[in-house]
PDB file of N, CA and C in Angstrom:
ATOM      1  N   UNK A   1      78.993  86.967 106.913  1.00  0.00           N
ATOM      2  CA  UNK A   1      79.652  87.949 107.753  1.00  0.00           C
ATOM      3  C   UNK A   1      79.390  89.325 107.153  1.00  0.00           C
ATOM      4  N   UNK A   2      78.890  90.223 107.970  1.00  0.00           N
ATOM      5  CA  UNK A   2      78.621  91.575 107.490  1.00  0.00           C
ATOM      6  C   UNK A   2      79.882  92.416 107.597  1.00  0.00           C
ATOM      7  N   UNK A   3      79.883  93.599 106.948  1.00  0.00           N
ATOM      8  CA  UNK A   3      81.023  94.499 106.976  1.00  0.00           C
ATOM      9  C   UNK A   3      81.361  94.932 108.395  1.00  0.00           C
ATOM     10  N   UNK A   4      80.347  95.077 109.249  1.00  0.00           N
ATOM     11  CA  UNK A   4      80.589  95.504 110.627  1.00  0.00           C
ATOM     12  C   UNK A   4      81.271  94.412 111.450  1.00  0.00           C
ATOM     13  N   UNK A   5      81.243  93.159 110.971  1.00  0.00           N
ATOM     14  CA  UNK A   5      81.897  92.059 111.681  1.00  0.00           C
ATOM     15  C   UNK A   5      83.364  91.904 111.299  1.00  0.00           C
ATOM     16  N   UNK A   6      83.811  92.631 110.277  1.00  0.00           N
ATOM     17  CA  UNK A   6      85.189  92.506 109.834  1.00  0.00           C
ATOM     18  C   UNK A   6      86.131  93.195 110.811  1.00  0.00           C
ATOM     19  N   UNK A   7      87.303  92.598 111.040  1.00  0.00           N
ATOM     20  CA  UNK A   7      88.264  93.248 111.940  1.00  0.00           C
ATOM     21  C   UNK A   7      88.805  94.535 111.314  1.00  0.00           C
ATOM     22  N   UNK A   8      89.363  95.391 112.146  1.00  0.00           N
ATOM     23  CA  UNK A   8      89.945  96.636 111.650  1.00  0.00           C
ATOM     24  C   UNK A   8      91.184  96.345 110.816  1.00  0.00           C
ATOM     25  N   UNK A   9      91.378  97.170 109.801  1.00  0.00           N
ATOM     26  CA  UNK A   9      92.618  97.060 109.036  1.00  0.00           C
ATOM     27  C   UNK A   9      93.749  97.616 109.895  1.00  0.00           C
ATOM     28  N   UNK A  10      94.976  97.335 109.514  1.00  0.00           N
ATOM     29  CA  UNK A  10      96.132  97.849 110.250  1.00  0.00           C
ATOM     30  C   UNK A  10      96.096  99.365 110.297  1.00  0.00           C
ATOM     31  N   UNK A  11      95.755 100.004 109.192  1.00  0.00           N
ATOM     32  CA  UNK A  11      95.688 101.463 109.138  1.00  0.00           C
ATOM     33  C   UNK A  11      94.571 102.002 110.032  1.00  0.00           C
ATOM     34  N   UNK A  12      93.409 101.367 110.006  1.00  0.00           N
ATOM     35  CA  UNK A  12      92.295 101.794 110.856  1.00  0.00           C
ATOM     36  C   UNK A  12      92.655 101.646 112.335  1.00  0.00           C
ATOM     37  N   UNK A  13      93.296 100.532 112.676  1.00  0.00           N
ATOM     38  CA  UNK A  13      93.692 100.297 114.059  1.00  0.00           C
ATOM     39  C   UNK A  13      94.709 101.338 114.521  1.00  0.00           C
ATOM     40  N   UNK A  14      95.653 101.703 113.654  1.00  0.00           N
ATOM     41  CA  UNK A  14      96.691 102.684 113.990  1.00  0.00           C
ATOM     42  C   UNK A  14      96.100 104.048 114.290  1.00  0.00           C
ATOM     43  N   UNK A  15      94.961 104.363 113.690  1.00  0.00           N
ATOM     44  CA  UNK A  15      94.344 105.684 113.878  1.00  0.00           C
ATOM     45  C   UNK A  15      93.188 105.672 114.874  1.00  0.00           C
ATOM     46  N   UNK A  16      92.934 104.523 115.481  1.00  0.00           N
ATOM     47  CA  UNK A  16      91.852 104.389 116.445  1.00  0.00           C
ATOM     48  C   UNK A  16      92.111 105.296 117.649  1.00  0.00           C
ATOM     49  N   UNK A  17      91.193 106.176 117.950  1.00  0.00           N
ATOM     50  CA  UNK A  17      91.304 107.066 119.092  1.00  0.00           C
ATOM     51  C   UNK A  17      92.173 108.288 118.862  1.00  0.00           C
ATOM     52  N   UNK A  18      92.747 108.404 117.680  1.00  0.00           N
ATOM     53  CA  UNK A  18      93.637 109.533 117.400  1.00  0.00           C
ATOM     54  C   UNK A  18      92.882 110.849 117.540  1.00  0.00           C
ATOM     55  N   UNK A  19      93.446 111.770 118.301  1.00  0.00           N
ATOM     56  CA  UNK A  19      92.815 113.063 118.514  1.00  0.00           C
ATOM     57  C   UNK A  19      91.818 113.076 119.650  1.00  0.00           C
ATOM     58  N   UNK A  20      91.507 111.898 120.218  1.00  0.00           N
ATOM     59  CA  UNK A  20      90.526 111.809 121.300  1.00  0.00           C
ATOM     60  C   UNK A  20      91.086 111.163 122.560  1.00  0.00           C
ATOM     61  N   UNK A  21      92.064 110.287 122.388  1.00  0.00           N
ATOM     62  CA  UNK A  21      92.573 109.487 123.496  1.00  0.00           C
ATOM     63  C   UNK A  21      94.070 109.714 123.654  1.00  0.00           C
ATOM     64  N   UNK A  22      94.511 109.746 124.902  1.00  0.00           N
ATOM     65  CA  UNK A  22      95.936 109.863 125.206  1.00  0.00           C
ATOM     66  C   UNK A  22      96.238 109.011 126.431  1.00  0.00           C
ATOM     67  N   UNK A  23      97.508 108.754 126.652  1.00  0.00           N
ATOM     68  CA  UNK A  23      97.889 108.040 127.859  1.00  0.00           C
ATOM     69  C   UNK A  23      99.160 108.639 128.434  1.00  0.00           C
ATOM     70  N   UNK A  24      99.336 108.436 129.734  1.00  0.00           N
ATOM     71  CA  UNK A  24     100.494 108.949 130.455  1.00  0.00           C
ATOM     72  C   UNK A  24     101.413 107.773 130.744  1.00  0.00           C
ATOM     73  N   UNK A  25     102.685 107.970 130.478  1.00  0.00           N
ATOM     74  CA  UNK A  25     103.675 106.918 130.710  1.00  0.00           C
ATOM     75  C   UNK A  25     104.810 107.492 131.546  1.00  0.00           C
ATOM     76  N   UNK A  26     105.144 106.809 132.636  1.00  0.00           N
ATOM     77  CA  UNK A  26     106.276 107.208 133.474  1.00  0.00           C
ATOM     78  C   UNK A  26     107.567 106.733 132.814  1.00  0.00           C
ATOM     79  N   UNK A  27     108.580 107.601 132.801  1.00  0.00           N
ATOM     80  CA  UNK A  27     109.894 107.238 132.274  1.00  0.00           C
ATOM     81  C   UNK A  27     110.964 107.850 133.175  1.00  0.00           C
ATOM     82  N   UNK A  28     112.184 107.428 132.974  1.00  0.00           N
ATOM     83  CA  UNK A  28     113.329 108.016 133.664  1.00  0.00           C
ATOM     84  C   UNK A  28     114.002 108.987 132.701  1.00  0.00           C
ATOM     85  N   UNK A  29     114.591 110.028 133.248  1.00  0.00           N
ATOM     86  CA  UNK A  29     115.248 111.031 132.403  1.00  0.00           C
ATOM     87  C   UNK A  29     116.359 110.408 131.561  1.00  0.00           C
ATOM     88  N   UNK A  30     116.915 109.291 131.998  1.00  0.00           N
ATOM     89  CA  UNK A  30     117.949 108.585 131.239  1.00  0.00           C
ATOM     90  C   UNK A  30     117.425 108.105 129.882  1.00  0.00           C
ATOM     91  N   UNK A  31     116.104 107.920 129.762  1.00  0.00           N
ATOM     92  CA  UNK A  31     115.490 107.433 128.526  1.00  0.00           C
ATOM     93  C   UNK A  31     115.214 108.553 127.518  1.00  0.00           C
ATOM     94  N   UNK A  32     115.241 109.793 127.961  1.00  0.00           N
ATOM     95  CA  UNK A  32     114.852 110.926 127.114  1.00  0.00           C
ATOM     96  C   UNK A  32     115.677 111.028 125.831  1.00  0.00           C
ATOM     97  N   UNK A  33     117.019 110.938 125.870  1.00  0.00           N
ATOM     98  CA  UNK A  33     117.781 111.090 124.625  1.00  0.00           C
ATOM     99  C   UNK A  33     117.386 110.093 123.521  1.00  0.00           C
ATOM    100  N   UNK A  34     117.038 108.880 123.900  1.00  0.00           N
ATOM    101  CA  UNK A  34     116.629 107.887 122.896  1.00  0.00           C
ATOM    102  C   UNK A  34     115.258 108.205 122.317  1.00  0.00           C
ATOM    103  N   UNK A  35     114.366 108.751 123.146  1.00  0.00           N
ATOM    104  CA  UNK A  35     113.003 109.056 122.704  1.00  0.00           C
ATOM    105  C   UNK A  35     112.891 110.427 122.049  1.00  0.00           C
ATOM    106  N   UNK A  36     113.701 111.371 122.516  1.00  0.00           N
ATOM    107  CA  UNK A  36     113.663 112.748 122.028  1.00  0.00           C
ATOM    108  C   UNK A  36     115.085 113.218 121.738  1.00  0.00           C
ATOM    109  N   UNK A  37     115.675 112.791 120.624  1.00  0.00           N
ATOM    110  CA  UNK A  37     117.067 113.141 120.337  1.00  0.00           C
ATOM    111  C   UNK A  37     117.327 114.650 120.313  1.00  0.00           C
ATOM    112  N   UNK A  38     116.316 115.433 119.997  1.00  0.00           N
ATOM    113  CA  UNK A  38     116.467 116.886 119.902  1.00  0.00           C
ATOM    114  C   UNK A  38     116.317 117.592 121.246  1.00  0.00           C
ATOM    115  N   UNK A  39     115.962 116.860 122.290  1.00  0.00           N
ATOM    116  CA  UNK A  39     115.741 117.473 123.611  1.00  0.00           C
ATOM    117  C   UNK A  39     117.067 117.917 124.222  1.00  0.00           C
ATOM    118  N   UNK A  40     117.018 119.005 124.994  1.00  0.00           N
ATOM    119  CA  UNK A  40     118.231 119.433 125.701  1.00  0.00           C
ATOM    120  C   UNK A  40     118.628 118.389 126.748  1.00  0.00           C
ATOM    121  N   UNK A  41     119.844 118.455 127.193  1.00  0.00           N
ATOM    122  CA  UNK A  41     120.351 117.532 128.201  1.00  0.00           C
ATOM    123  C   UNK A  41     119.560 117.697 129.501  1.00  0.00           C
ATOM    124  N   UNK A  42     119.184 116.563 130.098  1.00  0.00           N
ATOM    125  CA  UNK A  42     118.424 116.557 131.346  1.00  0.00           C
ATOM    126  C   UNK A  42     119.205 115.748 132.371  1.00  0.00           C
ATOM    127  N   UNK A  43     119.179 116.205 133.600  1.00  0.00           N
ATOM    128  CA  UNK A  43     119.860 115.511 134.687  1.00  0.00           C
ATOM    129  C   UNK A  43     119.419 114.044 134.732  1.00  0.00           C
ATOM    130  N   UNK A  44     120.351 113.110 134.787  1.00  0.00           N
ATOM    131  CA  UNK A  44     119.973 111.695 134.865  1.00  0.00           C
ATOM    132  C   UNK A  44     119.321 111.351 136.199  1.00  0.00           C
ATOM    133  N   UNK A  45     118.514 110.296 136.190  1.00  0.00           N
ATOM    134  CA  UNK A  45     117.913 109.787 137.416  1.00  0.00           C
ATOM    135  C   UNK A  45     116.612 110.425 137.844  1.00  0.00           C
ATOM    136  N   UNK A  46     116.040 111.296 137.013  1.00  0.00           N
ATOM    137  CA  UNK A  46     114.776 111.942 137.367  1.00  0.00           C
ATOM    138  C   UNK A  46     113.588 111.109 136.900  1.00  0.00           C
ATOM    139  N   UNK A  47     112.502 111.142 137.664  1.00  0.00           N
ATOM    140  CA  UNK A  47     111.243 110.529 137.245  1.00  0.00           C
ATOM    141  C   UNK A  47     110.470 111.554 136.437  1.00  0.00           C
ATOM    142  N   UNK A  48     110.099 111.183 135.215  1.00  0.00           N
ATOM    143  CA  UNK A  48     109.365 112.073 134.323  1.00  0.00           C
ATOM    144  C   UNK A  48     108.118 111.366 133.813  1.00  0.00           C
ATOM    145  N   UNK A  49     107.257 112.136 133.159  1.00  0.00           N
ATOM    146  CA  UNK A  49     106.022 111.599 132.601  1.00  0.00           C
ATOM    147  C   UNK A  49     105.851 112.112 131.187  1.00  0.00           C
ATOM    148  N   UNK A  50     105.451 111.197 130.306  1.00  0.00           N
ATOM    149  CA  UNK A  50     105.139 111.563 128.925  1.00  0.00           C
ATOM    150  C   UNK A  50     103.641 111.454 128.734  1.00  0.00           C
ATOM    151  N   UNK A  51     103.085 112.418 128.027  1.00  0.00           N
ATOM    152  CA  UNK A  51     101.710 112.325 127.549  1.00  0.00           C
ATOM    153  C   UNK A  51     101.824 111.944 126.088  1.00  0.00           C
ATOM    154  N   UNK A  52     101.208 110.824 125.721  1.00  0.00           N
ATOM    155  CA  UNK A  52     101.301 110.313 124.360  1.00  0.00           C
ATOM    156  C   UNK A  52      99.923 110.204 123.733  1.00  0.00           C
ATOM    157  N   UNK A  53      99.859 110.456 122.442  1.00  0.00           N
ATOM    158  CA  UNK A  53      98.615 110.276 121.714  1.00  0.00           C
ATOM    159  C   UNK A  53      98.294 108.799 121.589  1.00  0.00           C
ATOM    160  N   UNK A  54      97.099 108.490 121.169  1.00  0.00           N
ATOM    161  CA  UNK A  54      96.670 107.101 121.024  1.00  0.00           C
ATOM    162  C   UNK A  54      97.599 106.315 120.096  1.00  0.00           C
ATOM    163  N   UNK A  55      98.232 107.010 119.162  1.00  0.00           N
ATOM    164  CA  UNK A  55      99.138 106.351 118.219  1.00  0.00           C
ATOM    165  C   UNK A  55     100.576 106.286 118.726  1.00  0.00           C
ATOM    166  N   UNK A  56     100.802 106.733 119.987  1.00  0.00           N
ATOM    167  CA  UNK A  56     102.127 106.678 120.578  1.00  0.00           C
ATOM    168  C   UNK A  56     102.998 107.888 120.334  1.00  0.00           C
ATOM    169  N   UNK A  57     102.487 108.868 119.621  1.00  0.00           N
ATOM    170  CA  UNK A  57     103.256 110.081 119.345  1.00  0.00           C
ATOM    171  C   UNK A  57     103.332 110.927 120.612  1.00  0.00           C
ATOM    172  N   UNK A  58     104.552 111.300 121.048  1.00  0.00           N
ATOM    173  CA  UNK A  58     104.683 112.118 122.246  1.00  0.00           C
ATOM    174  C   UNK A  58     104.044 113.500 122.081  1.00  0.00           C
ATOM    175  N   UNK A  59     103.336 113.936 123.107  1.00  0.00           N
ATOM    176  CA  UNK A  59     102.686 115.245 123.126  1.00  0.00           C
ATOM    177  C   UNK A  59     103.390 116.169 124.107  1.00  0.00           C
ATOM    178  N   UNK A  60     103.771 115.620 125.272  1.00  0.00           N
ATOM    179  CA  UNK A  60     104.307 116.437 126.348  1.00  0.00           C
ATOM    180  C   UNK A  60     105.264 115.612 127.195  1.00  0.00           C
ATOM    181  N   UNK A  61     106.319 116.255 127.680  1.00  0.00           N
ATOM    182  CA  UNK A  61     107.243 115.657 128.638  1.00  0.00           C
ATOM    183  C   UNK A  61     107.280 116.574 129.849  1.00  0.00           C
ATOM    184  N   UNK A  62     107.038 116.018 131.052  1.00  0.00           N
ATOM    185  CA  UNK A  62     106.958 116.831 132.262  1.00  0.00           C
ATOM    186  C   UNK A  62     107.468 116.036 133.456  1.00  0.00           C
ATOM    187  N   UNK A  63     107.710 116.735 134.552  1.00  0.00           N
ATOM    188  CA  UNK A  63     108.130 116.055 135.774  1.00  0.00           C
ATOM    189  C   UNK A  63     106.958 115.803 136.715  1.00  0.00           C
ATOM    190  N   UNK A  64     105.738 116.044 136.242  1.00  0.00           N
ATOM    191  CA  UNK A  64     104.557 115.901 137.081  1.00  0.00           C
ATOM    192  C   UNK A  64     103.450 115.137 136.342  1.00  0.00           C
ATOM    193  N   UNK A  65     102.982 114.054 136.947  1.00  0.00           N
ATOM    194  CA  UNK A  65     101.869 113.293 136.360  1.00  0.00           C
ATOM    195  C   UNK A  65     100.625 114.170 136.274  1.00  0.00           C
ATOM    196  N   UNK A  66     100.433 115.005 137.297  1.00  0.00           N
ATOM    197  CA  UNK A  66      99.264 115.898 137.323  1.00  0.00           C
ATOM    198  C   UNK A  66      99.305 116.884 136.157  1.00  0.00           C
ATOM    199  N   UNK A  67     100.486 117.387 135.822  1.00  0.00           N
ATOM    200  CA  UNK A  67     100.622 118.307 134.684  1.00  0.00           C
ATOM    201  C   UNK A  67     100.264 117.593 133.379  1.00  0.00           C
ATOM    202  N   UNK A  68     100.709 116.353 133.235  1.00  0.00           N
ATOM    203  CA  UNK A  68     100.384 115.589 132.031  1.00  0.00           C
ATOM    204  C   UNK A  68      98.875 115.381 131.913  1.00  0.00           C
ATOM    205  N   UNK A  69      98.242 115.030 133.023  1.00  0.00           N
ATOM    206  CA  UNK A  69      96.788 114.825 133.013  1.00  0.00           C
ATOM    207  C   UNK A  69      96.044 116.129 132.755  1.00  0.00           C
ATOM    208  N   UNK A  70      96.520 117.224 133.336  1.00  0.00           N
ATOM    209  CA  UNK A  70      95.882 118.526 133.124  1.00  0.00           C
ATOM    210  C   UNK A  70      95.995 118.947 131.666  1.00  0.00           C
ATOM    211  N   UNK A  71      97.154 118.694 131.047  1.00  0.00           N
ATOM    212  CA  UNK A  71      97.333 119.035 129.640  1.00  0.00           C
ATOM    213  C   UNK A  71      96.382 118.226 128.772  1.00  0.00           C
ATOM    214  N   UNK A  72      96.212 116.958 129.089  1.00  0.00           N
ATOM    215  CA  UNK A  72      95.269 116.120 128.334  1.00  0.00           C
ATOM    216  C   UNK A  72      93.859 116.695 128.457  1.00  0.00           C
ATOM    217  N   UNK A  73      93.468 117.067 129.665  1.00  0.00           N
ATOM    218  CA  UNK A  73      92.135 117.626 129.895  1.00  0.00           C
ATOM    219  C   UNK A  73      91.949 118.935 129.142  1.00  0.00           C
ATOM    220  N   UNK A  74      92.955 119.802 129.190  1.00  0.00           N
ATOM    221  CA  UNK A  74      92.879 121.091 128.493  1.00  0.00           C
ATOM    222  C   UNK A  74      92.722 120.911 126.984  1.00  0.00           C
ATOM    223  N   UNK A  75      93.271 119.821 126.463  1.00  0.00           N
ATOM    224  CA  UNK A  75      93.185 119.548 125.033  1.00  0.00           C
ATOM    225  C   UNK A  75      92.068 118.573 124.696  1.00  0.00           C
ATOM    226  N   UNK A  76      91.164 118.382 125.647  1.00  0.00           N
ATOM    227  CA  UNK A  76      89.981 117.532 125.482  1.00  0.00           C
ATOM    228  C   UNK A  76      90.347 116.123 125.038  1.00  0.00           C
ATOM    229  N   UNK A  77      91.410 115.591 125.644  1.00  0.00           N
ATOM    230  CA  UNK A  77      91.825 114.221 125.393  1.00  0.00           C
ATOM    231  C   UNK A  77      91.399 113.361 126.587  1.00  0.00           C
ATOM    232  N   UNK A  78      90.827 112.220 126.311  1.00  0.00           N
ATOM    233  CA  UNK A  78      90.480 111.288 127.368  1.00  0.00           C
ATOM    234  C   UNK A  78      91.700 110.425 127.655  1.00  0.00           C
ATOM    235  N   UNK A  79      92.117 110.381 128.913  1.00  0.00           N
ATOM    236  CA  UNK A  79      93.275 109.560 129.251  1.00  0.00           C
ATOM    237  C   UNK A  79      92.811 108.157 129.599  1.00  0.00           C
ATOM    238  N   UNK A  80      93.604 107.184 129.149  1.00  0.00           N
ATOM    239  CA  UNK A  80      93.322 105.789 129.423  1.00  0.00           C
ATOM    240  C   UNK A  80      94.543 105.166 130.067  1.00  0.00           C
ATOM    241  N   UNK A  81      94.319 104.098 130.801  1.00  0.00           N
ATOM    242  CA  UNK A  81      95.405 103.389 131.470  1.00  0.00           C
ATOM    243  C   UNK A  81      95.920 102.303 130.536  1.00  0.00           C
ATOM    244  N   UNK A  82      97.237 102.244 130.413  1.00  0.00           N
ATOM    245  CA  UNK A  82      97.859 101.210 129.583  1.00  0.00           C
ATOM    246  C   UNK A  82      98.832 100.443 130.460  1.00  0.00           C
ATOM    247  N   UNK A  83      98.729  99.115 130.437  1.00  0.00           N
ATOM    248  CA  UNK A  83      99.619  98.291 131.278  1.00  0.00           C
ATOM    249  C   UNK A  83     100.527  97.471 130.412  1.00  0.00           C
TER     250      UNK A  83
END
């Protein structure tokens, strides 16, 4: 088995795509306090979108999927679909 056949280490996998890849996740405003404890109070029941880095770190919170995608594009991040 060559070195290129070895699986990624946990650390390598955690950093895979970092700085290059992001994804958009739909959430409800009710979830914001748990995800962003420092965020100001937001009206409950709203549909929101998070732009997250490949490692799951939140980048942006918005009420528009298009805004999240535009922000990813402006920052030269490739968005991928996650199910």
